[in-house]
Amino acid sequence: LNQLAARHVPIVVWGAQLPQQLYVTVGSDNVTGGQKATEHLLQ
């Protein structure tokens, strides 16, 4: 996906934000989501 961005292919990805990311992502807050789910079970 980074290679596609480097080629200037207009692409947007549904996914997670990652280190050294050149392409554009839209995604949900997965870390907080996982934390909420587990916290609920613990509580």
PDB file of all heavy atoms in Angstrom:
ATOM      1  N   LEU A   1       0.831  -1.208   0.000  1.00  0.00           N
ATOM      2  CA  LEU A   1       0.000   0.000   0.000  1.00  0.00           C
ATOM      3  C   LEU A   1       0.863   1.255   0.000  1.00  0.00           C
ATOM      4  O   LEU A   1       0.519   2.255  -0.645  1.00  0.00           O
ATOM      5  CB  LEU A   1      -0.938  -0.012   1.207  1.00  0.00           C
ATOM      6  CG  LEU A   1      -1.958  -1.153   1.217  1.00  0.00           C
ATOM      7  CD1 LEU A   1      -2.774  -1.135   2.495  1.00  0.00           C
ATOM      8  CD2 LEU A   1      -2.880  -1.051  -0.002  1.00  0.00           C
ATOM      9  N   ASN A   2       1.970   1.211   0.706  1.00  0.00           N
ATOM     10  CA  ASN A   2       2.911   2.334   0.665  1.00  0.00           C
ATOM     11  C   ASN A   2       3.458   2.546  -0.749  1.00  0.00           C
ATOM     12  O   ASN A   2       3.652   3.681  -1.193  1.00  0.00           O
ATOM     13  CB  ASN A   2       4.070   2.100   1.633  1.00  0.00           C
ATOM     14  CG  ASN A   2       3.806   2.685   3.009  1.00  0.00           C
ATOM     15  OD1 ASN A   2       2.917   3.520   3.183  1.00  0.00           O
ATOM     16  ND2 ASN A   2       4.575   2.264   3.987  1.00  0.00           N
ATOM     17  N   GLN A   3       3.698   1.458  -1.466  1.00  0.00           N
ATOM     18  CA  GLN A   3       4.191   1.558  -2.836  1.00  0.00           C
ATOM     19  C   GLN A   3       3.159   2.207  -3.752  1.00  0.00           C
ATOM     20  O   GLN A   3       3.495   3.001  -4.634  1.00  0.00           O
ATOM     21  CB  GLN A   3       4.569   0.168  -3.355  1.00  0.00           C
ATOM     22  CG  GLN A   3       5.809  -0.423  -2.690  1.00  0.00           C
ATOM     23  CD  GLN A   3       6.008  -1.884  -3.026  1.00  0.00           C
ATOM     24  OE1 GLN A   3       5.354  -2.433  -3.913  1.00  0.00           O
ATOM     25  NE2 GLN A   3       6.903  -2.552  -2.299  1.00  0.00           N
ATOM     26  N   LEU A   4       1.874   1.892  -3.528  1.00  0.00           N
ATOM     27  CA  LEU A   4       0.815   2.514  -4.316  1.00  0.00           C
ATOM     28  C   LEU A   4       0.780   4.019  -4.067  1.00  0.00           C
ATOM     29  O   LEU A   4       0.624   4.821  -4.998  1.00  0.00           O
ATOM     30  CB  LEU A   4      -0.540   1.900  -3.966  1.00  0.00           C
ATOM     31  CG  LEU A   4      -0.789   0.455  -4.390  1.00  0.00           C
ATOM     32  CD1 LEU A   4      -2.187   0.015  -3.980  1.00  0.00           C
ATOM     33  CD2 LEU A   4      -0.611   0.287  -5.891  1.00  0.00           C
ATOM     34  N   ALA A   5       0.912   4.400  -2.798  1.00  0.00           N
ATOM     35  CA  ALA A   5       0.918   5.822  -2.450  1.00  0.00           C
ATOM     36  C   ALA A   5       2.119   6.528  -3.075  1.00  0.00           C
ATOM     37  O   ALA A   5       2.013   7.659  -3.554  1.00  0.00           O
ATOM     38  CB  ALA A   5       0.931   5.992  -0.940  1.00  0.00           C
ATOM     39  N   ALA A   6       3.268   5.860  -3.076  1.00  0.00           N
ATOM     40  CA  ALA A   6       4.478   6.441  -3.668  1.00  0.00           C
ATOM     41  C   ALA A   6       4.309   6.645  -5.172  1.00  0.00           C
ATOM     42  O   ALA A   6       4.915   7.550  -5.753  1.00  0.00           O
ATOM     43  CB  ALA A   6       5.681   5.548  -3.380  1.00  0.00           C
ATOM     44  N   ARG A   7       3.483   5.821  -5.797  1.00  0.00           N
ATOM     45  CA  ARG A   7       3.186   5.952  -7.236  1.00  0.00           C
ATOM     46  C   ARG A   7       2.105   6.990  -7.504  1.00  0.00           C
ATOM     47  O   ARG A   7       1.725   7.224  -8.650  1.00  0.00           O
ATOM     48  CB  ARG A   7       2.695   4.613  -7.791  1.00  0.00           C
ATOM     49  CG  ARG A   7       3.768   3.569  -8.070  1.00  0.00           C
ATOM     50  CD  ARG A   7       3.116   2.395  -8.787  1.00  0.00           C
ATOM     51  NE  ARG A   7       2.308   2.846  -9.920  1.00  0.00           N
ATOM     52  CZ  ARG A   7       1.340   2.108 -10.486  1.00  0.00           C
ATOM     53  NH1 ARG A   7       1.049   0.924 -10.020  1.00  0.00           N
ATOM     54  NH2 ARG A   7       0.667   2.594 -11.506  1.00  0.00           N
ATOM     55  N   HIS A   8       1.580   7.594  -6.429  1.00  0.00           N
ATOM     56  CA  HIS A   8       0.524   8.600  -6.522  1.00  0.00           C
ATOM     57  C   HIS A   8      -0.791   8.027  -7.050  1.00  0.00           C
ATOM     58  O   HIS A   8      -1.554   8.724  -7.729  1.00  0.00           O
ATOM     59  CB  HIS A   8       0.968   9.791  -7.383  1.00  0.00           C
ATOM     60  CG  HIS A   8       2.199  10.465  -6.866  1.00  0.00           C
ATOM     61  ND1 HIS A   8       2.210  11.180  -5.682  1.00  0.00           N
ATOM     62  CD2 HIS A   8       3.464  10.494  -7.352  1.00  0.00           C
ATOM     63  CE1 HIS A   8       3.439  11.636  -5.477  1.00  0.00           C
ATOM     64  NE2 HIS A   8       4.216  11.246  -6.467  1.00  0.00           N
ATOM     65  N   VAL A   9      -1.036   6.754  -6.746  1.00  0.00           N
ATOM     66  CA  VAL A   9      -2.353   6.183  -7.029  1.00  0.00           C
ATOM     67  C   VAL A   9      -3.313   6.725  -5.973  1.00  0.00           C
ATOM     68  O   VAL A   9      -3.069   6.570  -4.780  1.00  0.00           O
ATOM     69  CB  VAL A   9      -2.316   4.638  -6.970  1.00  0.00           C
ATOM     70  CG1 VAL A   9      -3.724   4.061  -7.112  1.00  0.00           C
ATOM     71  CG2 VAL A   9      -1.389   4.081  -8.033  1.00  0.00           C
ATOM     72  N   PRO A  10      -4.397   7.390  -6.360  1.00  0.00           N
ATOM     73  CA  PRO A  10      -5.333   7.935  -5.368  1.00  0.00           C
ATOM     74  C   PRO A  10      -6.111   6.804  -4.695  1.00  0.00           C
ATOM     75  O   PRO A  10      -7.056   6.263  -5.262  1.00  0.00           O
ATOM     76  CB  PRO A  10      -6.248   8.846  -6.197  1.00  0.00           C
ATOM     77  CG  PRO A  10      -6.157   8.323  -7.585  1.00  0.00           C
ATOM     78  CD  PRO A  10      -4.797   7.726  -7.746  1.00  0.00           C
ATOM     79  N   ILE A  11      -5.683   6.439  -3.503  1.00  0.00           N
ATOM     80  CA  ILE A  11      -6.278   5.311  -2.802  1.00  0.00           C
ATOM     81  C   ILE A  11      -6.470   5.668  -1.334  1.00  0.00           C
ATOM     82  O   ILE A  11      -5.600   6.295  -0.717  1.00  0.00           O
ATOM     83  CB  ILE A  11      -5.412   4.034  -2.946  1.00  0.00           C
ATOM     84  CG1 ILE A  11      -6.088   2.830  -2.277  1.00  0.00           C
ATOM     85  CG2 ILE A  11      -4.006   4.245  -2.394  1.00  0.00           C
ATOM     86  CD1 ILE A  11      -5.416   1.514  -2.630  1.00  0.00           C
ATOM     87  N   VAL A  12      -7.618   5.312  -0.790  1.00  0.00           N
ATOM     88  CA  VAL A  12      -7.901   5.466   0.631  1.00  0.00           C
ATOM     89  C   VAL A  12      -8.283   4.091   1.160  1.00  0.00           C
ATOM     90  O   VAL A  12      -9.048   3.364   0.522  1.00  0.00           O
ATOM     91  CB  VAL A  12      -9.026   6.488   0.890  1.00  0.00           C
ATOM     92  CG1 VAL A  12      -9.430   6.490   2.361  1.00  0.00           C
ATOM     93  CG2 VAL A  12      -8.569   7.882   0.472  1.00  0.00           C
ATOM     94  N   VAL A  13      -7.742   3.744   2.324  1.00  0.00           N
ATOM     95  CA  VAL A  13      -7.882   2.390   2.861  1.00  0.00           C
ATOM     96  C   VAL A  13      -8.690   2.407   4.159  1.00  0.00           C
ATOM     97  O   VAL A  13      -8.426   3.238   5.046  1.00  0.00           O
ATOM     98  CB  VAL A  13      -6.493   1.768   3.121  1.00  0.00           C
ATOM     99  CG1 VAL A  13      -6.622   0.353   3.680  1.00  0.00           C
ATOM    100  CG2 VAL A  13      -5.667   1.763   1.837  1.00  0.00           C
ATOM    101  N   TRP A  14      -9.666   1.505   4.262  1.00  0.00           N
ATOM    102  CA  TRP A  14     -10.327   1.288   5.550  1.00  0.00           C
ATOM    103  C   TRP A  14      -9.392   0.402   6.364  1.00  0.00           C
ATOM    104  O   TRP A  14      -9.143  -0.755   6.018  1.00  0.00           O
ATOM    105  CB  TRP A  14     -11.684   0.604   5.386  1.00  0.00           C
ATOM    106  CG  TRP A  14     -12.277   0.217   6.719  1.00  0.00           C
ATOM    107  CD1 TRP A  14     -12.229  -1.017   7.304  1.00  0.00           C
ATOM    108  CD2 TRP A  14     -12.957   1.068   7.648  1.00  0.00           C
ATOM    109  NE1 TRP A  14     -12.842  -0.987   8.534  1.00  0.00           N
ATOM    110  CE2 TRP A  14     -13.304   0.272   8.776  1.00  0.00           C
ATOM    111  CE3 TRP A  14     -13.308   2.413   7.642  1.00  0.00           C
ATOM    112  CZ2 TRP A  14     -13.974   0.797   9.876  1.00  0.00           C
ATOM    113  CZ3 TRP A  14     -13.983   2.925   8.742  1.00  0.00           C
ATOM    114  CH2 TRP A  14     -14.314   2.127   9.843  1.00  0.00           C
ATOM    115  N   GLY A  15      -8.832   0.945   7.451  1.00  0.00           N
ATOM    116  CA  GLY A  15      -7.901   0.153   8.228  1.00  0.00           C
ATOM    117  C   GLY A  15      -7.270   0.956   9.348  1.00  0.00           C
ATOM    118  O   GLY A  15      -7.736   2.036   9.719  1.00  0.00           O
ATOM    119  N   ALA A  16      -6.188   0.406   9.876  1.00  0.00           N
ATOM    120  CA  ALA A  16      -5.511   0.985  11.032  1.00  0.00           C
ATOM    121  C   ALA A  16      -4.410   1.946  10.593  1.00  0.00           C
ATOM    122  O   ALA A  16      -3.801   1.778   9.539  1.00  0.00           O
ATOM    123  CB  ALA A  16      -4.908  -0.134  11.881  1.00  0.00           C
ATOM    124  N   GLN A  17      -4.155   2.950  11.428  1.00  0.00           N
ATOM    125  CA  GLN A  17      -3.013   3.834  11.198  1.00  0.00           C
ATOM    126  C   GLN A  17      -1.763   3.135  11.723  1.00  0.00           C
ATOM    127  O   GLN A  17      -1.715   2.680  12.858  1.00  0.00           O
ATOM    128  CB  GLN A  17      -3.220   5.164  11.924  1.00  0.00           C
ATOM    129  CG  GLN A  17      -4.380   5.975  11.370  1.00  0.00           C
ATOM    130  CD  GLN A  17      -4.540   7.313  12.067  1.00  0.00           C
ATOM    131  OE1 GLN A  17      -3.569   7.938  12.458  1.00  0.00           O
ATOM    132  NE2 GLN A  17      -5.781   7.749  12.238  1.00  0.00           N
ATOM    133  N   LEU A  18      -0.742   3.064  10.869  1.00  0.00           N
ATOM    134  CA  LEU A  18       0.479   2.329  11.192  1.00  0.00           C
ATOM    135  C   LEU A  18       1.702   3.242  11.052  1.00  0.00           C
ATOM    136  O   LEU A  18       1.659   4.257  10.362  1.00  0.00           O
ATOM    137  CB  LEU A  18       0.630   1.123  10.254  1.00  0.00           C
ATOM    138  CG  LEU A  18      -0.523   0.106  10.268  1.00  0.00           C
ATOM    139  CD1 LEU A  18      -0.299  -0.947   9.197  1.00  0.00           C
ATOM    140  CD2 LEU A  18      -0.645  -0.543  11.638  1.00  0.00           C
ATOM    141  N   PRO A  19       2.814   2.867  11.698  1.00  0.00           N
ATOM    142  CA  PRO A  19       4.047   3.658  11.566  1.00  0.00           C
ATOM    143  C   PRO A  19       4.546   3.679  10.115  1.00  0.00           C
ATOM    144  O   PRO A  19       4.330   2.724   9.368  1.00  0.00           O
ATOM    145  CB  PRO A  19       5.034   2.917  12.478  1.00  0.00           C
ATOM    146  CG  PRO A  19       4.176   2.156  13.445  1.00  0.00           C
ATOM    147  CD  PRO A  19       2.951   1.767  12.664  1.00  0.00           C
ATOM    148  N   GLN A  20       5.201   4.774   9.737  1.00  0.00           N
ATOM    149  CA  GLN A  20       5.758   4.942   8.387  1.00  0.00           C
ATOM    150  C   GLN A  20       4.713   4.717   7.294  1.00  0.00           C
ATOM    151  O   GLN A  20       4.992   4.134   6.249  1.00  0.00           O
ATOM    152  CB  GLN A  20       6.950   4.006   8.150  1.00  0.00           C
ATOM    153  CG  GLN A  20       8.210   4.361   8.895  1.00  0.00           C
ATOM    154  CD  GLN A  20       8.182   3.895  10.345  1.00  0.00           C
ATOM    155  OE1 GLN A  20       7.901   2.726  10.605  1.00  0.00           O
ATOM    156  NE2 GLN A  20       8.469   4.773  11.281  1.00  0.00           N
ATOM    157  N   GLN A  21       3.513   5.205   7.526  1.00  0.00           N
ATOM    158  CA  GLN A  21       2.423   5.016   6.576  1.00  0.00           C
ATOM    159  C   GLN A  21       2.378   6.176   5.588  1.00  0.00           C
ATOM    160  O   GLN A  21       2.304   7.331   5.983  1.00  0.00           O
ATOM    161  CB  GLN A  21       1.105   4.925   7.344  1.00  0.00           C
ATOM    162  CG  GLN A  21      -0.112   4.694   6.468  1.00  0.00           C
ATOM    163  CD  GLN A  21      -1.335   4.395   7.315  1.00  0.00           C
ATOM    164  OE1 GLN A  21      -1.385   3.389   8.018  1.00  0.00           O
ATOM    165  NE2 GLN A  21      -2.303   5.284   7.285  1.00  0.00           N
ATOM    166  N   LEU A  22       2.406   5.859   4.290  1.00  0.00           N
ATOM    167  CA  LEU A  22       2.357   6.872   3.249  1.00  0.00           C
ATOM    168  C   LEU A  22       0.945   7.056   2.694  1.00  0.00           C
ATOM    169  O   LEU A  22       0.623   8.115   2.162  1.00  0.00           O
ATOM    170  CB  LEU A  22       3.298   6.492   2.092  1.00  0.00           C
ATOM    171  CG  LEU A  22       4.783   6.314   2.443  1.00  0.00           C
ATOM    172  CD1 LEU A  22       5.559   5.929   1.192  1.00  0.00           C
ATOM    173  CD2 LEU A  22       5.350   7.587   3.061  1.00  0.00           C
ATOM    174  N   TYR A  23       0.125   6.045   2.784  1.00  0.00           N
ATOM    175  CA  TYR A  23      -1.229   6.096   2.235  1.00  0.00           C
ATOM    176  C   TYR A  23      -2.218   6.606   3.285  1.00  0.00           C
ATOM    177  O   TYR A  23      -1.908   6.654   4.480  1.00  0.00           O
ATOM    178  CB  TYR A  23      -1.657   4.715   1.727  1.00  0.00           C
ATOM    179  CG  TYR A  23      -1.554   3.608   2.760  1.00  0.00           C
ATOM    180  CD1 TYR A  23      -2.652   3.239   3.534  1.00  0.00           C
ATOM    181  CD2 TYR A  23      -0.352   2.935   2.960  1.00  0.00           C
ATOM    182  CE1 TYR A  23      -2.558   2.244   4.484  1.00  0.00           C
ATOM    183  CE2 TYR A  23      -0.254   1.937   3.907  1.00  0.00           C
ATOM    184  CZ  TYR A  23      -1.357   1.593   4.664  1.00  0.00           C
ATOM    185  OH  TYR A  23      -1.246   0.601   5.616  1.00  0.00           O
ATOM    186  N   VAL A  24      -3.401   6.969   2.832  1.00  0.00           N
ATOM    187  CA  VAL A  24      -4.424   7.542   3.713  1.00  0.00           C
ATOM    188  C   VAL A  24      -5.342   6.435   4.235  1.00  0.00           C
ATOM    189  O   VAL A  24      -5.805   5.593   3.459  1.00  0.00           O
ATOM    190  CB  VAL A  24      -5.269   8.588   2.961  1.00  0.00           C
ATOM    191  CG1 VAL A  24      -6.363   9.148   3.876  1.00  0.00           C
ATOM    192  CG2 VAL A  24      -4.383   9.702   2.429  1.00  0.00           C
ATOM    193  N   THR A  25      -5.599   6.442   5.538  1.00  0.00           N
ATOM    194  CA  THR A  25      -6.531   5.475   6.119  1.00  0.00           C
ATOM    195  C   THR A  25      -7.694   6.187   6.801  1.00  0.00           C
ATOM    196  O   THR A  25      -7.550   7.291   7.317  1.00  0.00           O
ATOM    197  CB  THR A  25      -5.840   4.580   7.166  1.00  0.00           C
ATOM    198  OG1 THR A  25      -5.185   5.395   8.135  1.00  0.00           O
ATOM    199  CG2 THR A  25      -4.859   3.621   6.530  1.00  0.00           C
ATOM    200  N   VAL A  26      -8.812   5.511   6.789  1.00  0.00           N
ATOM    201  CA  VAL A  26      -9.964   5.861   7.623  1.00  0.00           C
ATOM    202  C   VAL A  26     -10.307   4.581   8.376  1.00  0.00           C
ATOM    203  O   VAL A  26     -10.402   3.515   7.767  1.00  0.00           O
ATOM    204  CB  VAL A  26     -11.170   6.323   6.782  1.00  0.00           C
ATOM    205  CG1 VAL A  26     -12.395   6.521   7.672  1.00  0.00           C
ATOM    206  CG2 VAL A  26     -10.841   7.608   6.035  1.00  0.00           C
ATOM    207  N   GLY A  27     -10.454   4.675   9.675  1.00  0.00           N
ATOM    208  CA  GLY A  27     -10.773   3.478  10.448  1.00  0.00           C
ATOM    209  C   GLY A  27     -11.308   3.842  11.809  1.00  0.00           C
ATOM    210  O   GLY A  27     -11.307   5.005  12.208  1.00  0.00           O
ATOM    211  N   SER A  28     -11.763   2.831  12.524  1.00  0.00           N
ATOM    212  CA  SER A  28     -12.260   3.081  13.874  1.00  0.00           C
ATOM    213  C   SER A  28     -11.116   2.950  14.873  1.00  0.00           C
ATOM    214  O   SER A  28     -10.048   2.416  14.559  1.00  0.00           O
ATOM    215  CB  SER A  28     -13.396   2.115  14.220  1.00  0.00           C
ATOM    216  OG  SER A  28     -12.905   0.802  14.399  1.00  0.00           O
ATOM    217  N   ASP A  29     -11.349   3.425  16.079  1.00  0.00           N
ATOM    218  CA  ASP A  29     -10.334   3.387  17.136  1.00  0.00           C
ATOM    219  C   ASP A  29     -10.294   1.981  17.726  1.00  0.00           C
ATOM    220  O   ASP A  29     -10.946   1.682  18.722  1.00  0.00           O
ATOM    221  CB  ASP A  29     -10.667   4.425  18.208  1.00  0.00           C
ATOM    222  CG  ASP A  29      -9.548   4.611  19.216  1.00  0.00           C
ATOM    223  OD1 ASP A  29      -8.658   3.741  19.284  1.00  0.00           O
ATOM    224  OD2 ASP A  29      -9.572   5.611  19.953  1.00  0.00           O
ATOM    225  N   ASN A  30      -9.518   1.120  17.095  1.00  0.00           N
ATOM    226  CA  ASN A  30      -9.483  -0.291  17.469  1.00  0.00           C
ATOM    227  C   ASN A  30      -8.886  -0.538  18.847  1.00  0.00           C
ATOM    228  O   ASN A  30      -9.326  -1.437  19.569  1.00  0.00           O
ATOM    229  CB  ASN A  30      -8.700  -1.087  16.420  1.00  0.00           C
ATOM    230  CG  ASN A  30      -9.418  -1.156  15.096  1.00  0.00           C
ATOM    231  OD1 ASN A  30     -10.437  -1.811  14.971  1.00  0.00           O
ATOM    232  ND2 ASN A  30      -8.885  -0.467  14.100  1.00  0.00           N
ATOM    233  N   VAL A  31      -7.869   0.235  19.209  1.00  0.00           N
ATOM    234  CA  VAL A  31      -7.244   0.043  20.524  1.00  0.00           C
ATOM    235  C   VAL A  31      -8.269   0.339  21.625  1.00  0.00           C
ATOM    236  O   VAL A  31      -8.469  -0.467  22.543  1.00  0.00           O
ATOM    237  CB  VAL A  31      -6.002   0.939  20.684  1.00  0.00           C
ATOM    238  CG1 VAL A  31      -5.428   0.784  22.097  1.00  0.00           C
ATOM    239  CG2 VAL A  31      -4.936   0.572  19.653  1.00  0.00           C
ATOM    240  N   THR A  32      -8.926   1.475  21.515  1.00  0.00           N
ATOM    241  CA  THR A  32      -9.941   1.837  22.504  1.00  0.00           C
ATOM    242  C   THR A  32     -11.100   0.851  22.483  1.00  0.00           C
ATOM    243  O   THR A  32     -11.644   0.481  23.530  1.00  0.00           O
ATOM    244  CB  THR A  32     -10.459   3.263  22.254  1.00  0.00           C
ATOM    245  OG1 THR A  32      -9.362   4.176  22.352  1.00  0.00           O
ATOM    246  CG2 THR A  32     -11.517   3.654  23.266  1.00  0.00           C
ATOM    247  N   GLY A  33     -11.479   0.401  21.292  1.00  0.00           N
ATOM    248  CA  GLY A  33     -12.552  -0.574  21.175  1.00  0.00           C
ATOM    249  C   GLY A  33     -12.231  -1.869  21.897  1.00  0.00           C
ATOM    250  O   GLY A  33     -13.064  -2.408  22.648  1.00  0.00           O
ATOM    251  N   GLY A  34     -11.023  -2.377  21.680  1.00  0.00           N
ATOM    252  CA  GLY A  34     -10.604  -3.600  22.365  1.00  0.00           C
ATOM    253  C   GLY A  34     -10.521  -3.414  23.864  1.00  0.00           C
ATOM    254  O   GLY A  34     -10.845  -4.321  24.652  1.00  0.00           O
ATOM    255  N   GLN A  35     -10.099  -2.236  24.266  1.00  0.00           N
ATOM    256  CA  GLN A  35      -9.985  -1.922  25.686  1.00  0.00           C
ATOM    257  C   GLN A  35     -11.381  -1.850  26.330  1.00  0.00           C
ATOM    258  O   GLN A  35     -11.597  -2.375  27.429  1.00  0.00           O
ATOM    259  CB  GLN A  35      -9.241  -0.594  25.862  1.00  0.00           C
ATOM    260  CG  GLN A  35      -8.705  -0.354  27.258  1.00  0.00           C
ATOM    261  CD  GLN A  35      -7.681   0.775  27.290  1.00  0.00           C
ATOM    262  OE1 GLN A  35      -7.306   1.329  26.254  1.00  0.00           O
ATOM    263  NE2 GLN A  35      -7.224   1.121  28.471  1.00  0.00           N
ATOM    264  N   LYS A  36     -12.325  -1.223  25.661  1.00  0.00           N
ATOM    265  CA  LYS A  36     -13.691  -1.123  26.176  1.00  0.00           C
ATOM    266  C   LYS A  36     -14.324  -2.499  26.356  1.00  0.00           C
ATOM    267  O   LYS A  36     -14.995  -2.769  27.362  1.00  0.00           O
ATOM    268  CB  LYS A  36     -14.554  -0.281  25.230  1.00  0.00           C
ATOM    269  CG  LYS A  36     -14.293   1.210  25.265  1.00  0.00           C
ATOM    270  CD  LYS A  36     -15.192   1.923  24.261  1.00  0.00           C
ATOM    271  CE  LYS A  36     -14.986   3.429  24.287  1.00  0.00           C
ATOM    272  NZ  LYS A  36     -15.832   4.123  23.277  1.00  0.00           N
ATOM    273  N   ALA A  37     -14.143  -3.357  25.356  1.00  0.00           N
ATOM    274  CA  ALA A  37     -14.724  -4.699  25.413  1.00  0.00           C
ATOM    275  C   ALA A  37     -14.187  -5.484  26.608  1.00  0.00           C
ATOM    276  O   ALA A  37     -14.943  -6.100  27.368  1.00  0.00           O
ATOM    277  CB  ALA A  37     -14.437  -5.445  24.116  1.00  0.00           C
ATOM    278  N   THR A  38     -12.869  -5.452  26.769  1.00  0.00           N
ATOM    279  CA  THR A  38     -12.233  -6.208  27.846  1.00  0.00           C
ATOM    280  C   THR A  38     -12.543  -5.601  29.206  1.00  0.00           C
ATOM    281  O   THR A  38     -12.793  -6.323  30.190  1.00  0.00           O
ATOM    282  CB  THR A  38     -10.707  -6.262  27.615  1.00  0.00           C
ATOM    283  OG1 THR A  38     -10.447  -6.663  26.262  1.00  0.00           O
ATOM    284  CG2 THR A  38     -10.039  -7.231  28.569  1.00  0.00           C
ATOM    285  N   GLU A  39     -12.548  -4.289  29.275  1.00  0.00           N
ATOM    286  CA  GLU A  39     -12.866  -3.586  30.520  1.00  0.00           C
ATOM    287  C   GLU A  39     -14.279  -3.947  30.994  1.00  0.00           C
ATOM    288  O   GLU A  39     -14.500  -4.174  32.196  1.00  0.00           O
ATOM    289  CB  GLU A  39     -12.757  -2.077  30.286  1.00  0.00           C
ATOM    290  CG  GLU A  39     -13.024  -1.224  31.513  1.00  0.00           C
ATOM    291  CD  GLU A  39     -11.906  -1.264  32.538  1.00  0.00           C
ATOM    292  OE1 GLU A  39     -10.747  -1.506  32.145  1.00  0.00           O
ATOM    293  OE2 GLU A  39     -12.200  -1.057  33.730  1.00  0.00           O
ATOM    294  N   HIS A  40     -15.205  -4.008  30.075  1.00  0.00           N
ATOM    295  CA  HIS A  40     -16.586  -4.373  30.423  1.00  0.00           C
ATOM    296  C   HIS A  40     -16.637  -5.771  31.048  1.00  0.00           C
ATOM    297  O   HIS A  40     -17.316  -5.984  32.061  1.00  0.00           O
ATOM    298  CB  HIS A  40     -17.462  -4.317  29.176  1.00  0.00           C
ATOM    299  CG  HIS A  40     -18.790  -4.994  29.329  1.00  0.00           C
ATOM    300  ND1 HIS A  40     -19.783  -4.536  30.182  1.00  0.00           N
ATOM    301  CD2 HIS A  40     -19.280  -6.128  28.742  1.00  0.00           C
ATOM    302  CE1 HIS A  40     -20.822  -5.335  30.111  1.00  0.00           C
ATOM    303  NE2 HIS A  40     -20.550  -6.306  29.250  1.00  0.00           N
ATOM    304  N   LEU A  41     -15.927  -6.709  30.451  1.00  0.00           N
ATOM    305  CA  LEU A  41     -15.919  -8.079  30.974  1.00  0.00           C
ATOM    306  C   LEU A  41     -15.262  -8.141  32.350  1.00  0.00           C
ATOM    307  O   LEU A  41     -15.742  -8.842  33.254  1.00  0.00           O
ATOM    308  CB  LEU A  41     -15.203  -9.010  29.993  1.00  0.00           C
ATOM    309  CG  LEU A  41     -15.938  -9.231  28.660  1.00  0.00           C
ATOM    310  CD1 LEU A  41     -15.032  -9.921  27.646  1.00  0.00           C
ATOM    311  CD2 LEU A  41     -17.212 -10.046  28.878  1.00  0.00           C
ATOM    312  N   LEU A  42     -14.190  -7.388  32.530  1.00  0.00           N
ATOM    313  CA  LEU A  42     -13.508  -7.359  33.827  1.00  0.00           C
ATOM    314  C   LEU A  42     -14.398  -6.740  34.903  1.00  0.00           C
ATOM    315  O   LEU A  42     -14.485  -7.236  36.032  1.00  0.00           O
ATOM    316  CB  LEU A  42     -12.196  -6.583  33.710  1.00  0.00           C
ATOM    317  CG  LEU A  42     -11.094  -7.250  32.880  1.00  0.00           C
ATOM    318  CD1 LEU A  42      -9.984  -6.267  32.562  1.00  0.00           C
ATOM    319  CD2 LEU A  42     -10.526  -8.465  33.630  1.00  0.00           C
ATOM    320  N   GLN A  43     -15.085  -5.670  34.544  1.00  0.00           N
ATOM    321  CA  GLN A  43     -15.973  -5.013  35.506  1.00  0.00           C
ATOM    322  C   GLN A  43     -17.183  -5.877  35.844  1.00  0.00           C
ATOM    323  O   GLN A  43     -17.808  -5.697  36.890  1.00  0.00           O
ATOM    324  CB  GLN A  43     -16.426  -3.656  34.955  1.00  0.00           C
ATOM    325  CG  GLN A  43     -15.324  -2.614  34.932  1.00  0.00           C
ATOM    326  CD  GLN A  43     -15.768  -1.284  34.351  1.00  0.00           C
ATOM    327  OE1 GLN A  43     -16.834  -1.180  33.736  1.00  0.00           O
ATOM    328  NE2 GLN A  43     -14.954  -0.250  34.536  1.00  0.00           N
TER     329      GLN A  43
END
